[in-house]
PDB file of all heavy atoms in Angstrom:
ATOM      1  N   LEU A   1     175.323   8.865 324.764  1.00  0.00           N
ATOM      2  CA  LEU A   1     174.703   8.149 323.590  1.00  0.00           C
ATOM      3  C   LEU A   1     174.129   9.161 322.608  1.00  0.00           C
ATOM      4  O   LEU A   1     174.074   8.835 321.446  1.00  0.00           O
ATOM      5  CB  LEU A   1     173.573   7.214 324.166  1.00  0.00           C
ATOM      6  CG  LEU A   1     174.109   5.906 324.852  1.00  0.00           C
ATOM      7  CD1 LEU A   1     172.939   5.202 325.592  1.00  0.00           C
ATOM      8  CD2 LEU A   1     174.694   4.991 323.823  1.00  0.00           C
ATOM      9  N   ARG A   2     173.620  10.254 323.133  1.00  0.00           N
ATOM     10  CA  ARG A   2     173.065  11.179 322.164  1.00  0.00           C
ATOM     11  C   ARG A   2     174.132  11.864 321.224  1.00  0.00           C
ATOM     12  O   ARG A   2     173.792  12.151 320.144  1.00  0.00           O
ATOM     13  CB  ARG A   2     172.353  12.325 322.888  1.00  0.00           C
ATOM     14  CG  ARG A   2     171.621  13.345 322.093  1.00  0.00           C
ATOM     15  CD  ARG A   2     170.851  14.260 322.977  1.00  0.00           C
ATOM     16  NE  ARG A   2     171.782  15.026 323.924  1.00  0.00           N
ATOM     17  CZ  ARG A   2     171.282  15.847 324.737  1.00  0.00           C
ATOM     18  NH1 ARG A   2     170.000  15.988 324.934  1.00  0.00           N
ATOM     19  NH2 ARG A   2     172.172  16.499 325.569  1.00  0.00           N
ATOM     20  N   THR A   3     175.281  12.051 321.762  1.00  0.00           N
ATOM     21  CA  THR A   3     176.403  12.666 320.971  1.00  0.00           C
ATOM     22  C   THR A   3     176.639  12.036 319.680  1.00  0.00           C
ATOM     23  O   THR A   3     176.650  12.642 318.593  1.00  0.00           O
ATOM     24  CB  THR A   3     177.663  12.773 321.804  1.00  0.00           C
ATOM     25  OG1 THR A   3     177.371  13.593 323.029  1.00  0.00           O
ATOM     26  CG2 THR A   3     178.766  13.445 320.990  1.00  0.00           C
ATOM     27  N   PRO A   4     176.986  10.662 319.509  1.00  0.00           N
ATOM     28  CA  PRO A   4     177.256  10.114 318.262  1.00  0.00           C
ATOM     29  C   PRO A   4     176.055  10.123 317.378  1.00  0.00           C
ATOM     30  O   PRO A   4     176.147  10.249 316.128  1.00  0.00           O
ATOM     31  CB  PRO A   4     177.685   8.619 318.657  1.00  0.00           C
ATOM     32  CG  PRO A   4     177.134   8.379 320.006  1.00  0.00           C
ATOM     33  CD  PRO A   4     177.182   9.688 320.694  1.00  0.00           C
ATOM     34  N   LEU A   5     174.864   9.995 317.952  1.00  0.00           N
ATOM     35  CA  LEU A   5     173.612  10.049 317.136  1.00  0.00           C
ATOM     36  C   LEU A   5     173.537  11.449 316.460  1.00  0.00           C
ATOM     37  O   LEU A   5     173.152  11.647 315.286  1.00  0.00           O
ATOM     38  CB  LEU A   5     172.398   9.713 317.957  1.00  0.00           C
ATOM     39  CG  LEU A   5     172.307   8.303 318.451  1.00  0.00           C
ATOM     40  CD1 LEU A   5     171.063   8.133 319.385  1.00  0.00           C
ATOM     41  CD2 LEU A   5     172.212   7.386 317.301  1.00  0.00           C
ATOM     42  N   ALA A   6     173.751  12.512 317.275  1.00  0.00           N
ATOM     43  CA  ALA A   6     173.734  13.867 316.697  1.00  0.00           C
ATOM     44  C   ALA A   6     174.744  14.143 315.726  1.00  0.00           C
ATOM     45  O   ALA A   6     174.493  14.792 314.680  1.00  0.00           O
ATOM     46  CB  ALA A   6     173.885  14.860 317.904  1.00  0.00           C
ATOM     47  N   ILE A   7     176.023  13.520 315.914  1.00  0.00           N
ATOM     48  CA  ILE A   7     176.999  13.696 314.855  1.00  0.00           C
ATOM     49  C   ILE A   7     176.643  13.043 313.592  1.00  0.00           C
ATOM     50  O   ILE A   7     176.743  13.603 312.489  1.00  0.00           O
ATOM     51  CB  ILE A   7     178.390  13.233 315.433  1.00  0.00           C
ATOM     52  CG1 ILE A   7     178.784  14.010 316.552  1.00  0.00           C
ATOM     53  CG2 ILE A   7     179.425  13.096 314.335  1.00  0.00           C
ATOM     54  CD1 ILE A   7     179.994  13.458 317.249  1.00  0.00           C
ATOM     55  N   SER A   8     176.028  11.826 313.660  1.00  0.00           N
ATOM     56  CA  SER A   8     175.605  11.180 312.533  1.00  0.00           C
ATOM     57  C   SER A   8     174.592  11.875 311.768  1.00  0.00           C
ATOM     58  O   SER A   8     174.606  11.965 310.497  1.00  0.00           O
ATOM     59  CB  SER A   8     175.125   9.702 312.885  1.00  0.00           C
ATOM     60  OG  SER A   8     176.092   8.917 313.538  1.00  0.00           O
ATOM     61  N   GLN A   9     173.659  12.436 312.533  1.00  0.00           N
ATOM     62  CA  GLN A   9     172.607  13.213 311.892  1.00  0.00           C
ATOM     63  C   GLN A   9     173.150  14.374 311.181  1.00  0.00           C
ATOM     64  O   GLN A   9     172.650  14.704 310.025  1.00  0.00           O
ATOM     65  CB  GLN A   9     171.553  13.685 313.035  1.00  0.00           C
ATOM     66  CG  GLN A   9     170.334  14.490 312.487  1.00  0.00           C
ATOM     67  CD  GLN A   9     169.480  13.607 311.546  1.00  0.00           C
ATOM     68  OE1 GLN A   9     169.120  12.552 311.897  1.00  0.00           O
ATOM     69  NE2 GLN A   9     169.270  14.056 310.372  1.00  0.00           N
ATOM     70  N   THR A  10     174.077  15.115 311.781  1.00  0.00           N
ATOM     71  CA  THR A  10     174.726  16.288 311.055  1.00  0.00           C
ATOM     72  C   THR A  10     175.375  15.893 309.848  1.00  0.00           C
ATOM     73  O   THR A  10     175.280  16.592 308.776  1.00  0.00           O
ATOM     74  CB  THR A  10     175.650  16.963 312.031  1.00  0.00           C
ATOM     75  OG1 THR A  10     174.997  17.381 313.273  1.00  0.00           O
ATOM     76  CG2 THR A  10     176.322  18.145 311.416  1.00  0.00           C
ATOM     77  N   LEU A  11     176.171  14.817 309.869  1.00  0.00           N
ATOM     78  CA  LEU A  11     176.929  14.301 308.640  1.00  0.00           C
ATOM     79  C   LEU A  11     175.939  13.980 307.602  1.00  0.00           C
ATOM     80  O   LEU A  11     176.233  14.315 306.455  1.00  0.00           O
ATOM     81  CB  LEU A  11     177.714  13.123 309.094  1.00  0.00           C
ATOM     82  CG  LEU A  11     178.959  13.293 309.935  1.00  0.00           C
ATOM     83  CD1 LEU A  11     179.611  12.020 310.297  1.00  0.00           C
ATOM     84  CD2 LEU A  11     179.988  14.187 309.303  1.00  0.00           C
ATOM     85  N   LEU A  12     174.823  13.348 307.866  1.00  0.00           N
ATOM     86  CA  LEU A  12     173.829  12.934 306.934  1.00  0.00           C
ATOM     87  C   LEU A  12     173.204  14.209 306.389  1.00  0.00           C
ATOM     88  O   LEU A  12     172.864  14.257 305.108  1.00  0.00           O
ATOM     89  CB  LEU A  12     172.817  12.009 307.445  1.00  0.00           C
ATOM     90  CG  LEU A  12     173.326  10.589 307.846  1.00  0.00           C
ATOM     91  CD1 LEU A  12     172.361   9.795 308.632  1.00  0.00           C
ATOM     92  CD2 LEU A  12     173.787   9.930 306.621  1.00  0.00           C
ATOM     93  N   ASP A  13     172.872  15.164 307.141  1.00  0.00           N
ATOM     94  CA  ASP A  13     172.293  16.360 306.690  1.00  0.00           C
ATOM     95  C   ASP A  13     173.131  17.127 305.665  1.00  0.00           C
ATOM     96  O   ASP A  13     172.685  17.667 304.633  1.00  0.00           O
ATOM     97  CB  ASP A  13     171.922  17.274 307.875  1.00  0.00           C
ATOM     98  CG  ASP A  13     170.683  16.812 308.623  1.00  0.00           C
ATOM     99  OD1 ASP A  13     170.019  15.958 308.137  1.00  0.00           O
ATOM    100  OD2 ASP A  13     170.546  17.265 309.821  1.00  0.00           O
ATOM    101  N   VAL A  14     174.420  17.223 306.079  1.00  0.00           N
ATOM    102  CA  VAL A  14     175.404  17.882 305.213  1.00  0.00           C
ATOM    103  C   VAL A  14     175.527  17.145 303.891  1.00  0.00           C
ATOM    104  O   VAL A  14     175.563  17.794 302.845  1.00  0.00           O
ATOM    105  CB  VAL A  14     176.769  17.943 305.863  1.00  0.00           C
ATOM    106  CG1 VAL A  14     177.832  18.441 304.886  1.00  0.00           C
ATOM    107  CG2 VAL A  14     176.760  18.889 307.117  1.00  0.00           C
ATOM    108  N   ALA A  15     175.490  15.833 303.945  1.00  0.00           N
ATOM    109  CA  ALA A  15     175.677  15.080 302.633  1.00  0.00           C
ATOM    110  C   ALA A  15     174.487  15.279 301.728  1.00  0.00           C
ATOM    111  O   ALA A  15     174.568  15.293 300.541  1.00  0.00           O
ATOM    112  CB  ALA A  15     175.853  13.582 303.014  1.00  0.00           C
ATOM    113  N   ARG A  16     173.260  15.281 302.457  1.00  0.00           N
ATOM    114  CA  ARG A  16     172.050  15.497 301.611  1.00  0.00           C
ATOM    115  C   ARG A  16     171.966  16.905 300.902  1.00  0.00           C
ATOM    116  O   ARG A  16     171.476  16.973 299.856  1.00  0.00           O
ATOM    117  CB  ARG A  16     170.810  15.364 302.496  1.00  0.00           C
ATOM    118  CG  ARG A  16     169.488  15.354 301.802  1.00  0.00           C
ATOM    119  CD  ARG A  16     168.333  15.010 302.655  1.00  0.00           C
ATOM    120  NE  ARG A  16     168.357  15.770 303.936  1.00  0.00           N
ATOM    121  CZ  ARG A  16     167.427  15.613 304.940  1.00  0.00           C
ATOM    122  NH1 ARG A  16     166.612  14.625 304.916  1.00  0.00           N
ATOM    123  NH2 ARG A  16     167.493  16.368 305.981  1.00  0.00           N
ATOM    124  N   ASN A  17     172.518  17.831 301.663  1.00  0.00           N
ATOM    125  CA  ASN A  17     172.496  19.209 301.114  1.00  0.00           C
ATOM    126  C   ASN A  17     173.693  19.418 300.116  1.00  0.00           C
ATOM    127  O   ASN A  17     173.652  20.585 299.471  1.00  0.00           O
ATOM    128  CB  ASN A  17     172.562  20.326 302.246  1.00  0.00           C
ATOM    129  CG  ASN A  17     171.405  20.179 303.125  1.00  0.00           C
ATOM    130  OD1 ASN A  17     170.288  19.891 302.670  1.00  0.00           O
ATOM    131  ND2 ASN A  17     171.567  20.480 304.421  1.00  0.00           N
ATOM    132  N   ASP A  18     174.639  18.582 300.053  1.00  0.00           N
ATOM    133  CA  ASP A  18     175.754  18.739 299.200  1.00  0.00           C
ATOM    134  C   ASP A  18     176.006  17.392 298.431  1.00  0.00           C
ATOM    135  O   ASP A  18     176.771  16.526 298.770  1.00  0.00           O
ATOM    136  CB  ASP A  18     177.064  19.100 300.025  1.00  0.00           C
ATOM    137  CG  ASP A  18     178.277  19.297 299.067  1.00  0.00           C
ATOM    138  OD1 ASP A  18     178.090  19.338 297.850  1.00  0.00           O
ATOM    139  OD2 ASP A  18     179.374  19.473 299.612  1.00  0.00           O
ATOM    140  N   PRO A  19     175.247  17.139 297.298  1.00  0.00           N
ATOM    141  CA  PRO A  19     175.317  15.926 296.586  1.00  0.00           C
ATOM    142  C   PRO A  19     176.808  15.697 296.044  1.00  0.00           C
ATOM    143  O   PRO A  19     177.142  14.449 295.712  1.00  0.00           O
ATOM    144  CB  PRO A  19     174.303  16.091 295.447  1.00  0.00           C
ATOM    145  CG  PRO A  19     173.375  17.200 295.911  1.00  0.00           C
ATOM    146  CD  PRO A  19     174.353  18.145 296.725  1.00  0.00           C
ATOM    147  N   ASN A  20     177.544  16.640 295.895  1.00  0.00           N
ATOM    148  CA  ASN A  20     178.962  16.539 295.364  1.00  0.00           C
ATOM    149  C   ASN A  20     179.968  16.185 296.283  1.00  0.00           C
ATOM    150  O   ASN A  20     181.164  16.020 296.060  1.00  0.00           O
ATOM    151  CB  ASN A  20     179.364  17.719 294.634  1.00  0.00           C
ATOM    152  CG  ASN A  20     178.416  18.094 293.384  1.00  0.00           C
ATOM    153  OD1 ASN A  20     177.962  17.309 292.701  1.00  0.00           O
ATOM    154  ND2 ASN A  20     178.101  19.413 293.203  1.00  0.00           N
ATOM    155  N   GLN A  21     179.556  15.984 297.580  1.00  0.00           N
ATOM    156  CA  GLN A  21     180.568  15.619 298.714  1.00  0.00           C
ATOM    157  C   GLN A  21     181.118  14.277 298.482  1.00  0.00           C
ATOM    158  O   GLN A  21     180.428  13.328 297.981  1.00  0.00           O
ATOM    159  CB  GLN A  21     179.924  15.726 299.983  1.00  0.00           C
ATOM    160  CG  GLN A  21     180.873  15.536 301.138  1.00  0.00           C
ATOM    161  CD  GLN A  21     180.134  15.485 302.563  1.00  0.00           C
ATOM    162  OE1 GLN A  21     178.949  15.184 302.560  1.00  0.00           O
ATOM    163  NE2 GLN A  21     180.864  15.836 303.573  1.00  0.00           N
ATOM    164  N   ASP A  22     182.307  14.032 298.828  1.00  0.00           N
ATOM    165  CA  ASP A  22     183.033  12.741 298.753  1.00  0.00           C
ATOM    166  C   ASP A  22     182.319  11.782 299.633  1.00  0.00           C
ATOM    167  O   ASP A  22     182.374  11.851 300.921  1.00  0.00           O
ATOM    168  CB  ASP A  22     184.530  12.945 299.116  1.00  0.00           C
ATOM    169  CG  ASP A  22     185.265  11.620 299.008  1.00  0.00           C
ATOM    170  OD1 ASP A  22     184.633  10.649 298.561  1.00  0.00           O
ATOM    171  OD2 ASP A  22     186.438  11.600 299.329  1.00  0.00           O
ATOM    172  N   THR A  23     181.670  10.787 299.097  1.00  0.00           N
ATOM    173  CA  THR A  23     180.909   9.829 299.843  1.00  0.00           C
ATOM    174  C   THR A  23     181.803   8.883 300.668  1.00  0.00           C
ATOM    175  O   THR A  23     181.510   8.376 301.694  1.00  0.00           O
ATOM    176  CB  THR A  23     179.984   9.005 298.973  1.00  0.00           C
ATOM    177  OG1 THR A  23     180.831   8.303 297.973  1.00  0.00           O
ATOM    178  CG2 THR A  23     178.977   9.842 298.297  1.00  0.00           C
ATOM    179  N   GLY A  24     183.089   8.623 300.128  1.00  0.00           N
ATOM    180  CA  GLY A  24     183.975   7.860 300.871  1.00  0.00           C
ATOM    181  C   GLY A  24     184.387   8.337 302.148  1.00  0.00           C
ATOM    182  O   GLY A  24     184.414   7.682 303.179  1.00  0.00           O
ATOM    183  N   GLU A  25     184.589   9.702 302.271  1.00  0.00           N
ATOM    184  CA  GLU A  25     184.960  10.349 303.502  1.00  0.00           C
ATOM    185  C   GLU A  25     183.747  10.281 304.481  1.00  0.00           C
ATOM    186  O   GLU A  25     183.882  10.041 305.638  1.00  0.00           O
ATOM    187  CB  GLU A  25     185.327  11.852 303.220  1.00  0.00           C
ATOM    188  CG  GLU A  25     185.741  12.649 304.422  1.00  0.00           C
ATOM    189  CD  GLU A  25     185.976  14.083 304.164  1.00  0.00           C
ATOM    190  OE1 GLU A  25     185.928  14.448 302.983  1.00  0.00           O
ATOM    191  OE2 GLU A  25     186.238  14.878 305.151  1.00  0.00           O
ATOM    192  N   LEU A  26     182.582  10.461 303.937  1.00  0.00           N
ATOM    193  CA  LEU A  26     181.341  10.433 304.732  1.00  0.00           C
ATOM    194  C   LEU A  26     181.230   9.024 305.402  1.00  0.00           C
ATOM    195  O   LEU A  26     180.924   8.952 306.532  1.00  0.00           O
ATOM    196  CB  LEU A  26     180.144  10.799 303.912  1.00  0.00           C
ATOM    197  CG  LEU A  26     178.782  10.585 304.610  1.00  0.00           C
ATOM    198  CD1 LEU A  26     178.652  11.575 305.753  1.00  0.00           C
ATOM    199  CD2 LEU A  26     177.590  10.763 303.522  1.00  0.00           C
ATOM    200  N   VAL A  27     181.402   8.041 304.568  1.00  0.00           N
ATOM    201  CA  VAL A  27     181.255   6.620 305.000  1.00  0.00           C
ATOM    202  C   VAL A  27     182.174   6.385 306.178  1.00  0.00           C
ATOM    203  O   VAL A  27     182.023   5.812 307.219  1.00  0.00           O
ATOM    204  CB  VAL A  27     181.359   5.656 303.963  1.00  0.00           C
ATOM    205  CG1 VAL A  27     181.584   4.145 304.543  1.00  0.00           C
ATOM    206  CG2 VAL A  27     180.205   5.751 303.002  1.00  0.00           C
ATOM    207  N   ASP A  28     183.554   6.859 305.969  1.00  0.00           N
ATOM    208  CA  ASP A  28     184.592   6.679 307.018  1.00  0.00           C
ATOM    209  C   ASP A  28     184.188   7.349 308.311  1.00  0.00           C
ATOM    210  O   ASP A  28     184.321   6.701 309.424  1.00  0.00           O
ATOM    211  CB  ASP A  28     185.829   7.205 306.425  1.00  0.00           C
ATOM    212  CG  ASP A  28     186.429   6.343 305.313  1.00  0.00           C
ATOM    213  OD1 ASP A  28     186.019   5.166 305.212  1.00  0.00           O
ATOM    214  OD2 ASP A  28     187.322   6.828 304.664  1.00  0.00           O
ATOM    215  N   ARG A  29     183.650   8.509 308.247  1.00  0.00           N
ATOM    216  CA  ARG A  29     183.381   9.242 309.494  1.00  0.00           C
ATOM    217  C   ARG A  29     182.133   8.675 310.176  1.00  0.00           C
ATOM    218  O   ARG A  29     182.061   8.585 311.392  1.00  0.00           O
ATOM    219  CB  ARG A  29     183.112  10.758 309.130  1.00  0.00           C
ATOM    220  CG  ARG A  29     184.358  11.520 308.542  1.00  0.00           C
ATOM    221  CD  ARG A  29     184.093  12.966 308.257  1.00  0.00           C
ATOM    222  NE  ARG A  29     183.688  13.697 309.469  1.00  0.00           N
ATOM    223  CZ  ARG A  29     183.326  14.940 309.492  1.00  0.00           C
ATOM    224  NH1 ARG A  29     183.273  15.658 308.405  1.00  0.00           N
ATOM    225  NH2 ARG A  29     183.118  15.598 310.684  1.00  0.00           N
ATOM    226  N   LEU A  30     181.168   8.161 309.364  1.00  0.00           N
ATOM    227  CA  LEU A  30     180.012   7.586 309.972  1.00  0.00           C
ATOM    228  C   LEU A  30     180.438   6.326 310.593  1.00  0.00           C
ATOM    229  O   LEU A  30     179.861   5.961 311.635  1.00  0.00           O
ATOM    230  CB  LEU A  30     178.899   7.290 308.923  1.00  0.00           C
ATOM    231  CG  LEU A  30     178.119   8.648 308.438  1.00  0.00           C
ATOM    232  CD1 LEU A  30     177.208   8.220 307.272  1.00  0.00           C
ATOM    233  CD2 LEU A  30     177.320   9.107 309.570  1.00  0.00           C
ATOM    234  N   HIS A  31     181.342   5.501 309.912  1.00  0.00           N
ATOM    235  CA  HIS A  31     181.798   4.316 310.492  1.00  0.00           C
ATOM    236  C   HIS A  31     182.445   4.525 311.932  1.00  0.00           C
ATOM    237  O   HIS A  31     182.168   3.767 312.830  1.00  0.00           O
ATOM    238  CB  HIS A  31     182.779   3.605 309.610  1.00  0.00           C
ATOM    239  CG  HIS A  31     183.248   2.330 310.031  1.00  0.00           C
ATOM    240  ND1 HIS A  31     184.368   2.152 310.838  1.00  0.00           N
ATOM    241  CD2 HIS A  31     182.780   1.032 309.807  1.00  0.00           C
ATOM    242  CE1 HIS A  31     184.611   0.837 311.088  1.00  0.00           C
ATOM    243  NE2 HIS A  31     183.604   0.162 310.526  1.00  0.00           N
ATOM    244  N   ALA A  32     183.328   5.590 312.004  1.00  0.00           N
ATOM    245  CA  ALA A  32     183.962   5.898 313.271  1.00  0.00           C
ATOM    246  C   ALA A  32     182.974   6.232 314.354  1.00  0.00           C
ATOM    247  O   ALA A  32     183.094   5.764 315.460  1.00  0.00           O
ATOM    248  CB  ALA A  32     184.969   6.911 313.075  1.00  0.00           C
ATOM    249  N   VAL A  33     182.004   7.078 314.021  1.00  0.00           N
ATOM    250  CA  VAL A  33     180.992   7.409 314.942  1.00  0.00           C
ATOM    251  C   VAL A  33     180.160   6.322 315.343  1.00  0.00           C
ATOM    252  O   VAL A  33     179.884   6.150 316.636  1.00  0.00           O
ATOM    253  CB  VAL A  33     180.003   8.518 314.359  1.00  0.00           C
ATOM    254  CG1 VAL A  33     178.941   8.845 315.286  1.00  0.00           C
ATOM    255  CG2 VAL A  33     180.899   9.880 314.043  1.00  0.00           C
ATOM    256  N   ASN A  34     179.827   5.478 314.441  1.00  0.00           N
ATOM    257  CA  ASN A  34     178.970   4.283 314.847  1.00  0.00           C
ATOM    258  C   ASN A  34     179.739   3.316 315.735  1.00  0.00           C
ATOM    259  O   ASN A  34     179.212   2.750 316.598  1.00  0.00           O
ATOM    260  CB  ASN A  34     178.502   3.577 313.547  1.00  0.00           C
ATOM    261  CG  ASN A  34     177.500   2.466 313.807  1.00  0.00           C
ATOM    262  OD1 ASN A  34     176.471   2.658 314.274  1.00  0.00           O
ATOM    263  ND2 ASN A  34     177.894   1.198 313.485  1.00  0.00           N
ATOM    264  N   ALA A  35     181.037   3.129 315.319  1.00  0.00           N
ATOM    265  CA  ALA A  35     181.918   2.252 316.195  1.00  0.00           C
ATOM    266  C   ALA A  35     181.966   2.828 317.732  1.00  0.00           C
ATOM    267  O   ALA A  35     181.961   2.012 318.565  1.00  0.00           O
ATOM    268  CB  ALA A  35     183.345   2.125 315.580  1.00  0.00           C
ATOM    269  N   ARG A  36     182.073   3.989 317.794  1.00  0.00           N
ATOM    270  CA  ARG A  36     182.130   4.634 319.161  1.00  0.00           C
ATOM    271  C   ARG A  36     180.841   4.429 319.890  1.00  0.00           C
ATOM    272  O   ARG A  36     180.860   4.135 321.210  1.00  0.00           O
ATOM    273  CB  ARG A  36     182.436   6.164 319.093  1.00  0.00           C
ATOM    274  CG  ARG A  36     182.560   6.773 320.468  1.00  0.00           C
ATOM    275  CD  ARG A  36     183.071   8.180 320.346  1.00  0.00           C
ATOM    276  NE  ARG A  36     183.196   8.749 321.654  1.00  0.00           N
ATOM    277  CZ  ARG A  36     184.154   8.557 322.528  1.00  0.00           C
ATOM    278  NH1 ARG A  36     185.134   7.771 322.195  1.00  0.00           N
ATOM    279  NH2 ARG A  36     184.214   9.146 323.723  1.00  0.00           N
ATOM    280  N   ALA A  37     179.663   4.580 319.217  1.00  0.00           N
ATOM    281  CA  ALA A  37     178.357   4.302 319.888  1.00  0.00           C
ATOM    282  C   ALA A  37     178.273   2.809 320.287  1.00  0.00           C
ATOM    283  O   ALA A  37     177.757   2.519 321.318  1.00  0.00           O
ATOM    284  CB  ALA A  37     177.269   4.601 318.947  1.00  0.00           C
ATOM    285  N   ILE A  38     178.708   1.903 319.420  1.00  0.00           N
ATOM    286  CA  ILE A  38     178.725   0.531 319.781  1.00  0.00           C
ATOM    287  C   ILE A  38     179.606   0.201 320.981  1.00  0.00           C
ATOM    288  O   ILE A  38     179.236  -0.537 321.883  1.00  0.00           O
ATOM    289  CB  ILE A  38     179.179  -0.367 318.599  1.00  0.00           C
ATOM    290  CG1 ILE A  38     178.139  -0.289 317.478  1.00  0.00           C
ATOM    291  CG2 ILE A  38     179.423  -1.821 318.972  1.00  0.00           C
ATOM    292  CD1 ILE A  38     178.559  -0.961 316.176  1.00  0.00           C
ATOM    293  N   ASP A  39     180.790   0.769 320.962  1.00  0.00           N
ATOM    294  CA  ASP A  39     181.664   0.541 322.159  1.00  0.00           C
ATOM    295  C   ASP A  39     181.084   1.068 323.406  1.00  0.00           C
ATOM    296  O   ASP A  39     181.180   0.403 324.530  1.00  0.00           O
ATOM    297  CB  ASP A  39     182.995   1.313 321.929  1.00  0.00           C
ATOM    298  CG  ASP A  39     183.875   0.794 320.854  1.00  0.00           C
ATOM    299  OD1 ASP A  39     183.628  -0.440 320.492  1.00  0.00           O
ATOM    300  OD2 ASP A  39     184.800   1.468 320.343  1.00  0.00           O
ATOM    301  N   LEU A  40     180.357   2.232 323.387  1.00  0.00           N
ATOM    302  CA  LEU A  40     179.791   2.729 324.558  1.00  0.00           C
ATOM    303  C   LEU A  40     178.604   1.888 324.951  1.00  0.00           C
ATOM    304  O   LEU A  40     178.444   1.537 326.152  1.00  0.00           O
ATOM    305  CB  LEU A  40     179.228   4.127 324.281  1.00  0.00           C
ATOM    306  CG  LEU A  40     178.375   4.769 325.419  1.00  0.00           C
ATOM    307  CD1 LEU A  40     179.172   4.900 326.729  1.00  0.00           C
ATOM    308  CD2 LEU A  40     177.860   6.168 324.969  1.00  0.00           C
ATOM    309  N   THR A  41     177.813   1.362 324.124  1.00  0.00           N
ATOM    310  CA  THR A  41     176.673   0.462 324.463  1.00  0.00           C
ATOM    311  C   THR A  41     177.230  -0.903 325.105  1.00  0.00           C
ATOM    312  O   THR A  41     176.702  -1.283 326.052  1.00  0.00           O
ATOM    313  CB  THR A  41     175.893   0.139 323.133  1.00  0.00           C
ATOM    314  OG1 THR A  41     175.448   1.335 322.603  1.00  0.00           O
ATOM    315  CG2 THR A  41     174.669  -0.600 323.570  1.00  0.00           C
ATOM    316  N   GLU A  42     178.306  -1.384 324.519  1.00  0.00           N
ATOM    317  CA  GLU A  42     178.878  -2.614 324.985  1.00  0.00           C
ATOM    318  C   GLU A  42     179.374  -2.423 326.437  1.00  0.00           C
ATOM    319  O   GLU A  42     179.260  -3.236 327.280  1.00  0.00           O
ATOM    320  CB  GLU A  42     179.956  -3.119 324.095  1.00  0.00           C
ATOM    321  CG  GLU A  42     179.334  -3.730 322.790  1.00  0.00           C
ATOM    322  CD  GLU A  42     180.369  -4.318 321.817  1.00  0.00           C
ATOM    323  OE1 GLU A  42     181.674  -3.947 322.086  1.00  0.00           O
ATOM    324  OE2 GLU A  42     180.053  -4.956 320.921  1.00  0.00           O
ATOM    325  N   ALA A  43     180.070  -1.239 326.659  1.00  0.00           N
ATOM    326  CA  ALA A  43     180.538  -0.967 327.994  1.00  0.00           C
ATOM    327  C   ALA A  43     179.500  -0.788 328.995  1.00  0.00           C
ATOM    328  O   ALA A  43     179.588  -1.289 330.089  1.00  0.00           O
ATOM    329  CB  ALA A  43     181.346   0.328 327.912  1.00  0.00           C
ATOM    330  N   LEU A  44     178.349  -0.180 328.613  1.00  0.00           N
ATOM    331  CA  LEU A  44     177.202  -0.084 329.489  1.00  0.00           C
ATOM    332  C   LEU A  44     176.619  -1.466 329.800  1.00  0.00           C
ATOM    333  O   LEU A  44     176.172  -1.637 330.898  1.00  0.00           O
ATOM    334  CB  LEU A  44     176.191   0.729 328.789  1.00  0.00           C
ATOM    335  CG  LEU A  44     176.400   2.271 328.833  1.00  0.00           C
ATOM    336  CD1 LEU A  44     175.406   3.000 327.877  1.00  0.00           C
ATOM    337  CD2 LEU A  44     176.497   2.886 330.150  1.00  0.00           C
TER     338      LEU A  44
END
């Protein structure tokens, strides 16, 4: 459970430090990480 949260935190930190980053790509990656966290929670 900590892994997807850590990945999300890293992605958000990178985005905050790089305002010119493609937000679409960021949203897609965050969506995938969040979906995995939901799948894990539901399995538990």
